[in-house]
């Protein structure tokens, strides 16, 4: 089963949903399609409880993660307004 994980790219300070198989935990590359050995490596922070089996849900959580560090929390109306401005 293909899963998606929400990560923050440290160098770019951006948040994205990526295939979980792309995450290398320095011990092994998780199951699913393995990344090509020639792909560049990027430093990321993995959000807590941020792996989903649905890409659309993972993208929604990635957008939410731009404003909060806990993906299971609710966004206040203040935080929503900040994003729109």
PDB file of N, CA and C in Angstrom:
ATOM      1  N   UNK A   1       0.845  -1.182   0.000  1.00  0.00           N
ATOM      2  CA  UNK A   1       0.000   0.000   0.000  1.00  0.00           C
ATOM      3  C   UNK A   1       0.892   1.247   0.000  1.00  0.00           C
ATOM      4  N   UNK A   2       0.632   2.149  -0.883  1.00  0.00           N
ATOM      5  CA  UNK A   2       1.373   3.401  -0.957  1.00  0.00           C
ATOM      6  C   UNK A   2       0.859   4.359   0.104  1.00  0.00           C
ATOM      7  N   UNK A   3       1.784   4.925   0.877  1.00  0.00           N
ATOM      8  CA  UNK A   3       1.405   5.910   1.890  1.00  0.00           C
ATOM      9  C   UNK A   3       2.158   7.206   1.638  1.00  0.00           C
ATOM     10  N   UNK A   4       1.648   8.271   2.220  1.00  0.00           N
ATOM     11  CA  UNK A   4       2.195   9.615   2.050  1.00  0.00           C
ATOM     12  C   UNK A   4       2.518  10.191   3.423  1.00  0.00           C
ATOM     13  N   UNK A   5       3.633  10.920   3.525  1.00  0.00           N
ATOM     14  CA  UNK A   5       4.049  11.512   4.790  1.00  0.00           C
ATOM     15  C   UNK A   5       4.263  13.004   4.599  1.00  0.00           C
ATOM     16  N   UNK A   6       3.806  13.790   5.559  1.00  0.00           N
ATOM     17  CA  UNK A   6       3.981  15.241   5.526  1.00  0.00           C
ATOM     18  C   UNK A   6       5.325  15.567   6.168  1.00  0.00           C
ATOM     19  N   UNK A   7       6.161  16.283   5.418  1.00  0.00           N
ATOM     20  CA  UNK A   7       7.489  16.654   5.901  1.00  0.00           C
ATOM     21  C   UNK A   7       7.735  18.134   5.663  1.00  0.00           C
ATOM     22  N   UNK A   8       8.671  18.673   6.429  1.00  0.00           N
ATOM     23  CA  UNK A   8       9.131  20.042   6.226  1.00  0.00           C
ATOM     24  C   UNK A   8      10.554  19.958   5.699  1.00  0.00           C
ATOM     25  N   UNK A   9      10.785  20.542   4.513  1.00  0.00           N
ATOM     26  CA  UNK A   9      12.126  20.601   3.955  1.00  0.00           C
ATOM     27  C   UNK A   9      12.891  21.711   4.666  1.00  0.00           C
ATOM     28  N   UNK A  10      13.983  21.348   5.335  1.00  0.00           N
ATOM     29  CA  UNK A  10      14.687  22.281   6.203  1.00  0.00           C
ATOM     30  C   UNK A  10      15.328  23.436   5.442  1.00  0.00           C
ATOM     31  N   UNK A  11      16.003  23.145   4.347  1.00  0.00           N
ATOM     32  CA  UNK A  11      16.713  24.196   3.611  1.00  0.00           C
ATOM     33  C   UNK A  11      15.757  25.205   2.985  1.00  0.00           C
ATOM     34  N   UNK A  12      14.656  24.725   2.438  1.00  0.00           N
ATOM     35  CA  UNK A  12      13.690  25.596   1.760  1.00  0.00           C
ATOM     36  C   UNK A  12      12.607  26.119   2.695  1.00  0.00           C
ATOM     37  N   UNK A  13      12.496  25.522   3.881  1.00  0.00           N
ATOM     38  CA  UNK A  13      11.453  25.879   4.841  1.00  0.00           C
ATOM     39  C   UNK A  13      10.065  25.739   4.210  1.00  0.00           C
ATOM     40  N   UNK A  14       9.880  24.639   3.466  1.00  0.00           N
ATOM     41  CA  UNK A  14       8.595  24.381   2.814  1.00  0.00           C
ATOM     42  C   UNK A  14       8.035  23.052   3.308  1.00  0.00           C
ATOM     43  N   UNK A  15       6.714  22.895   3.210  1.00  0.00           N
ATOM     44  CA  UNK A  15       6.029  21.695   3.684  1.00  0.00           C
ATOM     45  C   UNK A  15       5.381  21.004   2.494  1.00  0.00           C
ATOM     46  N   UNK A  16       5.553  19.681   2.411  1.00  0.00           N
ATOM     47  CA  UNK A  16       4.991  18.904   1.306  1.00  0.00           C
ATOM     48  C   UNK A  16       4.567  17.529   1.787  1.00  0.00           C
ATOM     49  N   UNK A  17       3.682  16.899   1.031  1.00  0.00           N
ATOM     50  CA  UNK A  17       3.341  15.488   1.220  1.00  0.00           C
ATOM     51  C   UNK A  17       4.156  14.701   0.203  1.00  0.00           C
ATOM     52  N   UNK A  18       4.949  13.749   0.686  1.00  0.00           N
ATOM     53  CA  UNK A  18       5.794  12.955  -0.206  1.00  0.00           C
ATOM     54  C   UNK A  18       5.509  11.473   0.007  1.00  0.00           C
ATOM     55  N   UNK A  19       5.808  10.633  -0.994  1.00  0.00           N
ATOM     56  CA  UNK A  19       5.656   9.195  -0.767  1.00  0.00           C
ATOM     57  C   UNK A  19       6.539   8.761   0.402  1.00  0.00           C
ATOM     58  N   UNK A  20       5.993   7.989   1.298  1.00  0.00           N
ATOM     59  CA  UNK A  20       6.748   7.539   2.466  1.00  0.00           C
ATOM     60  C   UNK A  20       7.984   6.756   2.046  1.00  0.00           C
ATOM     61  N   UNK A  21       7.926   6.094   0.910  1.00  0.00           N
ATOM     62  CA  UNK A  21       9.072   5.308   0.439  1.00  0.00           C
ATOM     63  C   UNK A  21      10.287   6.178   0.130  1.00  0.00           C
ATOM     64  N   UNK A  22      10.089   7.479  -0.006  1.00  0.00           N
ATOM     65  CA  UNK A  22      11.215   8.373  -0.264  1.00  0.00           C
ATOM     66  C   UNK A  22      12.005   8.691   0.997  1.00  0.00           C
ATOM     67  N   UNK A  23      11.459   8.372   2.158  1.00  0.00           N
ATOM     68  CA  UNK A  23      12.124   8.712   3.414  1.00  0.00           C
ATOM     69  C   UNK A  23      13.150   7.641   3.740  1.00  0.00           C
ATOM     70  N   UNK A  24      14.386   8.072   3.894  1.00  0.00           N
ATOM     71  CA  UNK A  24      15.483   7.176   4.222  1.00  0.00           C
ATOM     72  C   UNK A  24      15.844   7.431   5.671  1.00  0.00           C
ATOM     73  N   UNK A  25      15.641   6.445   6.520  1.00  0.00           N
ATOM     74  CA  UNK A  25      15.934   6.646   7.934  1.00  0.00           C
ATOM     75  C   UNK A  25      17.337   6.173   8.307  1.00  0.00           C
ATOM     76  N   UNK A  26      18.226   6.138   7.344  1.00  0.00           N
ATOM     77  CA  UNK A  26      19.624   5.739   7.495  1.00  0.00           C
ATOM     78  C   UNK A  26      19.804   4.274   7.864  1.00  0.00           C
ATOM     79  N   UNK A  27      18.753   3.517   8.021  1.00  0.00           N
ATOM     80  CA  UNK A  27      18.856   2.080   8.269  1.00  0.00           C
ATOM     81  C   UNK A  27      18.338   1.309   7.063  1.00  0.00           C
ATOM     82  N   UNK A  28      17.270   1.816   6.485  1.00  0.00           N
ATOM     83  CA  UNK A  28      16.702   1.161   5.308  1.00  0.00           C
ATOM     84  C   UNK A  28      15.718   2.104   4.656  1.00  0.00           C
ATOM     85  N   UNK A  29      15.454   1.848   3.409  1.00  0.00           N
ATOM     86  CA  UNK A  29      14.415   2.609   2.719  1.00  0.00           C
ATOM     87  C   UNK A  29      13.141   1.807   2.869  1.00  0.00           C
ATOM     88  N   UNK A  30      12.097   2.473   3.316  1.00  0.00           N
ATOM     89  CA  UNK A  30      10.840   1.770   3.587  1.00  0.00           C
ATOM     90  C   UNK A  30      10.297   1.117   2.325  1.00  0.00           C
ATOM     91  N   UNK A  31       9.386   0.187   2.503  1.00  0.00           N
ATOM     92  CA  UNK A  31       8.796  -0.530   1.368  1.00  0.00           C
ATOM     93  C   UNK A  31       8.102   0.434   0.414  1.00  0.00           C
ATOM     94  N   UNK A  32       7.585  -0.061  -0.660  1.00  0.00           N
ATOM     95  CA  UNK A  32       7.008   0.663  -1.804  1.00  0.00           C
ATOM     96  C   UNK A  32       8.106   0.839  -2.835  1.00  0.00           C
ATOM     97  N   UNK A  33       7.948   1.753  -3.753  1.00  0.00           N
ATOM     98  CA  UNK A  33       8.946   1.953  -4.792  1.00  0.00           C
ATOM     99  C   UNK A  33      10.161   2.655  -4.204  1.00  0.00           C
ATOM    100  N   UNK A  34      11.336   2.062  -4.405  1.00  0.00           N
ATOM    101  CA  UNK A  34      12.565   2.652  -3.886  1.00  0.00           C
ATOM    102  C   UNK A  34      12.988   3.852  -4.719  1.00  0.00           C
ATOM    103  N   UNK A  35      13.497   4.891  -4.070  1.00  0.00           N
ATOM    104  CA  UNK A  35      14.008   6.029  -4.835  1.00  0.00           C
ATOM    105  C   UNK A  35      15.272   5.631  -5.591  1.00  0.00           C
ATOM    106  N   UNK A  36      15.524   6.316  -6.666  1.00  0.00           N
ATOM    107  CA  UNK A  36      16.723   6.078  -7.464  1.00  0.00           C
ATOM    108  C   UNK A  36      17.955   6.473  -6.660  1.00  0.00           C
ATOM    109  N   UNK A  37      19.026   5.713  -6.793  1.00  0.00           N
ATOM    110  CA  UNK A  37      20.259   5.968  -6.041  1.00  0.00           C
ATOM    111  C   UNK A  37      20.881   7.322  -6.396  1.00  0.00           C
ATOM    112  N   UNK A  38      20.554   7.864  -7.564  1.00  0.00           N
ATOM    113  CA  UNK A  38      21.134   9.139  -8.001  1.00  0.00           C
ATOM    114  C   UNK A  38      20.331  10.362  -7.565  1.00  0.00           C
ATOM    115  N   UNK A  39      19.193  10.152  -6.916  1.00  0.00           N
ATOM    116  CA  UNK A  39      18.394  11.290  -6.457  1.00  0.00           C
ATOM    117  C   UNK A  39      19.144  12.057  -5.384  1.00  0.00           C
ATOM    118  N   UNK A  40      19.022  13.383  -5.371  1.00  0.00           N
ATOM    119  CA  UNK A  40      19.665  14.162  -4.299  1.00  0.00           C
ATOM    120  C   UNK A  40      18.964  13.918  -2.964  1.00  0.00           C
ATOM    121  N   UNK A  41      19.705  14.143  -1.876  1.00  0.00           N
ATOM    122  CA  UNK A  41      19.147  13.990  -0.535  1.00  0.00           C
ATOM    123  C   UNK A  41      18.836  15.359   0.048  1.00  0.00           C
ATOM    124  N   UNK A  42      17.743  15.461   0.797  1.00  0.00           N
ATOM    125  CA  UNK A  42      17.328  16.708   1.433  1.00  0.00           C
ATOM    126  C   UNK A  42      17.050  16.441   2.905  1.00  0.00           C
ATOM    127  N   UNK A  43      17.420  17.390   3.748  1.00  0.00           N
ATOM    128  CA  UNK A  43      17.093  17.294   5.164  1.00  0.00           C
ATOM    129  C   UNK A  43      15.636  17.639   5.373  1.00  0.00           C
ATOM    130  N   UNK A  44      14.937  16.809   6.140  1.00  0.00           N
ATOM    131  CA  UNK A  44      13.523  17.051   6.418  1.00  0.00           C
ATOM    132  C   UNK A  44      13.225  16.805   7.891  1.00  0.00           C
ATOM    133  N   UNK A  45      12.143  17.417   8.333  1.00  0.00           N
ATOM    134  CA  UNK A  45      11.547  17.101   9.620  1.00  0.00           C
ATOM    135  C   UNK A  45      10.225  16.422   9.326  1.00  0.00           C
ATOM    136  N   UNK A  46       9.992  15.286   9.967  1.00  0.00           N
ATOM    137  CA  UNK A  46       8.741  14.558   9.771  1.00  0.00           C
ATOM    138  C   UNK A  46       7.777  14.969  10.870  1.00  0.00           C
ATOM    139  N   UNK A  47       6.600  15.411  10.493  1.00  0.00           N
ATOM    140  CA  UNK A  47       5.587  15.798  11.466  1.00  0.00           C
ATOM    141  C   UNK A  47       5.071  14.559  12.196  1.00  0.00           C
ATOM    142  N   UNK A  48       4.753  14.713  13.462  1.00  0.00           N
ATOM    143  CA  UNK A  48       4.216  13.619  14.272  1.00  0.00           C
ATOM    144  C   UNK A  48       2.856  13.202  13.716  1.00  0.00           C
ATOM    145  N   UNK A  49       2.617  11.909  13.636  1.00  0.00           N
ATOM    146  CA  UNK A  49       1.348  11.355  13.129  1.00  0.00           C
ATOM    147  C   UNK A  49       1.005  11.915  11.752  1.00  0.00           C
ATOM    148  N   UNK A  50       1.966  11.890  10.843  1.00  0.00           N
ATOM    149  CA  UNK A  50       1.766  12.557   9.554  1.00  0.00           C
ATOM    150  C   UNK A  50       1.802  11.615   8.357  1.00  0.00           C
ATOM    151  N   UNK A  51       1.541  10.340   8.538  1.00  0.00           N
ATOM    152  CA  UNK A  51       1.526   9.401   7.426  1.00  0.00           C
ATOM    153  C   UNK A  51       0.084   9.004   7.124  1.00  0.00           C
ATOM    154  N   UNK A  52      -0.271   9.081   5.839  1.00  0.00           N
ATOM    155  CA  UNK A  52      -1.655   8.854   5.404  1.00  0.00           C
ATOM    156  C   UNK A  52      -1.672   7.922   4.199  1.00  0.00           C
ATOM    157  N   UNK A  53      -2.750   7.185   4.030  1.00  0.00           N
ATOM    158  CA  UNK A  53      -2.872   6.300   2.871  1.00  0.00           C
ATOM    159  C   UNK A  53      -3.634   6.955   1.726  1.00  0.00           C
ATOM    160  N   UNK A  54      -3.890   8.249   1.840  1.00  0.00           N
ATOM    161  CA  UNK A  54      -4.644   8.992   0.840  1.00  0.00           C
ATOM    162  C   UNK A  54      -3.878  10.276   0.510  1.00  0.00           C
ATOM    163  N   UNK A  55      -3.505  10.452  -0.763  1.00  0.00           N
ATOM    164  CA  UNK A  55      -2.704  11.617  -1.156  1.00  0.00           C
ATOM    165  C   UNK A  55      -3.446  12.929  -0.916  1.00  0.00           C
ATOM    166  N   UNK A  56      -4.720  12.981  -1.222  1.00  0.00           N
ATOM    167  CA  UNK A  56      -5.477  14.229  -1.062  1.00  0.00           C
ATOM    168  C   UNK A  56      -5.513  14.647   0.405  1.00  0.00           C
ATOM    169  N   UNK A  57      -5.748  13.695   1.297  1.00  0.00           N
ATOM    170  CA  UNK A  57      -5.726  14.000   2.729  1.00  0.00           C
ATOM    171  C   UNK A  57      -4.332  14.460   3.161  1.00  0.00           C
ATOM    172  N   UNK A  58      -3.294  13.811   2.660  1.00  0.00           N
ATOM    173  CA  UNK A  58      -1.923  14.209   2.998  1.00  0.00           C
ATOM    174  C   UNK A  58      -1.641  15.636   2.531  1.00  0.00           C
ATOM    175  N   UNK A  59      -2.115  16.009   1.343  1.00  0.00           N
ATOM    176  CA  UNK A  59      -1.928  17.384   0.841  1.00  0.00           C
ATOM    177  C   UNK A  59      -2.665  18.388   1.722  1.00  0.00           C
ATOM    178  N   UNK A  60      -3.881  18.048   2.141  1.00  0.00           N
ATOM    179  CA  UNK A  60      -4.632  18.939   3.040  1.00  0.00           C
ATOM    180  C   UNK A  60      -3.876  19.134   4.349  1.00  0.00           C
ATOM    181  N   UNK A  61      -3.316  18.056   4.876  1.00  0.00           N
ATOM    182  CA  UNK A  61      -2.550  18.138   6.123  1.00  0.00           C
ATOM    183  C   UNK A  61      -1.262  18.930   5.914  1.00  0.00           C
ATOM    184  N   UNK A  62      -0.656  18.825   4.736  1.00  0.00           N
ATOM    185  CA  UNK A  62       0.558  19.592   4.446  1.00  0.00           C
ATOM    186  C   UNK A  62       0.251  21.084   4.442  1.00  0.00           C
ATOM    187  N   UNK A  63      -0.888  21.460   3.865  1.00  0.00           N
ATOM    188  CA  UNK A  63      -1.285  22.873   3.876  1.00  0.00           C
ATOM    189  C   UNK A  63      -1.504  23.351   5.301  1.00  0.00           C
ATOM    190  N   UNK A  64      -2.141  22.502   6.118  1.00  0.00           N
ATOM    191  CA  UNK A  64      -2.375  22.847   7.518  1.00  0.00           C
ATOM    192  C   UNK A  64      -1.050  22.978   8.267  1.00  0.00           C
ATOM    193  N   UNK A  65      -0.087  22.131   7.937  1.00  0.00           N
ATOM    194  CA  UNK A  65       1.205  22.126   8.626  1.00  0.00           C
ATOM    195  C   UNK A  65       2.007  23.400   8.383  1.00  0.00           C
ATOM    196  N   UNK A  66       1.636  24.167   7.375  1.00  0.00           N
ATOM    197  CA  UNK A  66       2.310  25.445   7.154  1.00  0.00           C
ATOM    198  C   UNK A  66       2.036  26.408   8.302  1.00  0.00           C
ATOM    199  N   UNK A  67       0.945  26.176   9.056  1.00  0.00           N
ATOM    200  CA  UNK A  67       0.539  27.075  10.136  1.00  0.00           C
ATOM    201  C   UNK A  67       0.623  26.477  11.532  1.00  0.00           C
ATOM    202  N   UNK A  68       0.621  25.148  11.652  1.00  0.00           N
ATOM    203  CA  UNK A  68       0.652  24.505  12.970  1.00  0.00           C
ATOM    204  C   UNK A  68       1.642  23.349  12.958  1.00  0.00           C
ATOM    205  N   UNK A  69       2.168  23.003  14.127  1.00  0.00           N
ATOM    206  CA  UNK A  69       3.111  21.891  14.196  1.00  0.00           C
ATOM    207  C   UNK A  69       2.428  20.564  14.511  1.00  0.00           C
ATOM    208  N   UNK A  70       1.197  20.611  15.044  1.00  0.00           N
ATOM    209  CA  UNK A  70       0.450  19.400  15.355  1.00  0.00           C
ATOM    210  C   UNK A  70      -0.677  19.263  14.340  1.00  0.00           C
ATOM    211  N   UNK A  71      -0.571  18.281  13.467  1.00  0.00           N
ATOM    212  CA  UNK A  71      -1.541  18.133  12.382  1.00  0.00           C
ATOM    213  C   UNK A  71      -2.913  17.695  12.861  1.00  0.00           C
ATOM    214  N   UNK A  72      -3.021  17.264  14.105  1.00  0.00           N
ATOM    215  CA  UNK A  72      -4.312  16.845  14.643  1.00  0.00           C
ATOM    216  C   UNK A  72      -5.033  17.967  15.371  1.00  0.00           C
ATOM    217  N   UNK A  73      -4.412  19.146  15.461  1.00  0.00           N
ATOM    218  CA  UNK A  73      -5.055  20.270  16.140  1.00  0.00           C
ATOM    219  C   UNK A  73      -5.940  21.031  15.165  1.00  0.00           C
ATOM    220  N   UNK A  74      -6.803  21.853  15.706  1.00  0.00           N
ATOM    221  CA  UNK A  74      -7.682  22.683  14.884  1.00  0.00           C
ATOM    222  C   UNK A  74      -6.994  24.009  14.586  1.00  0.00           C
ATOM    223  N   UNK A  75      -7.217  24.543  13.394  1.00  0.00           N
ATOM    224  CA  UNK A  75      -6.690  25.853  13.037  1.00  0.00           C
ATOM    225  C   UNK A  75      -7.683  26.898  13.510  1.00  0.00           C
ATOM    226  N   UNK A  76      -7.197  27.883  14.239  1.00  0.00           N
ATOM    227  CA  UNK A  76      -8.087  28.955  14.679  1.00  0.00           C
ATOM    228  C   UNK A  76      -8.368  29.883  13.512  1.00  0.00           C
ATOM    229  N   UNK A  77      -9.411  30.676  13.613  1.00  0.00           N
ATOM    230  CA  UNK A  77      -9.750  31.593  12.526  1.00  0.00           C
ATOM    231  C   UNK A  77      -8.650  32.622  12.333  1.00  0.00           C
ATOM    232  N   UNK A  78      -7.933  32.977  13.385  1.00  0.00           N
ATOM    233  CA  UNK A  78      -6.798  33.890  13.273  1.00  0.00           C
ATOM    234  C   UNK A  78      -5.724  33.311  12.367  1.00  0.00           C
ATOM    235  N   UNK A  79      -5.389  32.033  12.559  1.00  0.00           N
ATOM    236  CA  UNK A  79      -4.375  31.394  11.742  1.00  0.00           C
ATOM    237  C   UNK A  79      -4.830  31.279  10.296  1.00  0.00           C
ATOM    238  N   UNK A  80      -6.107  31.006  10.066  1.00  0.00           N
ATOM    239  CA  UNK A  80      -6.619  30.935   8.703  1.00  0.00           C
ATOM    240  C   UNK A  80      -6.496  32.287   8.021  1.00  0.00           C
ATOM    241  N   UNK A  81      -6.793  33.367   8.727  1.00  0.00           N
ATOM    242  CA  UNK A  81      -6.695  34.700   8.147  1.00  0.00           C
ATOM    243  C   UNK A  81      -5.255  35.051   7.810  1.00  0.00           C
ATOM    244  N   UNK A  82      -4.310  34.644   8.631  1.00  0.00           N
ATOM    245  CA  UNK A  82      -2.905  34.929   8.359  1.00  0.00           C
ATOM    246  C   UNK A  82      -2.478  34.312   7.036  1.00  0.00           C
ATOM    247  N   UNK A  83      -2.935  33.117   6.755  1.00  0.00           N
ATOM    248  CA  UNK A  83      -2.557  32.437   5.534  1.00  0.00           C
ATOM    249  C   UNK A  83      -3.122  33.132   4.299  1.00  0.00           C
ATOM    250  N   UNK A  84      -4.307  33.702   4.401  1.00  0.00           N
ATOM    251  CA  UNK A  84      -4.959  34.335   3.257  1.00  0.00           C
ATOM    252  C   UNK A  84      -4.347  35.683   2.914  1.00  0.00           C
ATOM    253  N   UNK A  85      -3.746  36.350   3.883  1.00  0.00           N
ATOM    254  CA  UNK A  85      -3.237  37.703   3.666  1.00  0.00           C
ATOM    255  C   UNK A  85      -1.983  37.691   2.857  1.00  0.00           C
TER     256      UNK A  85
END
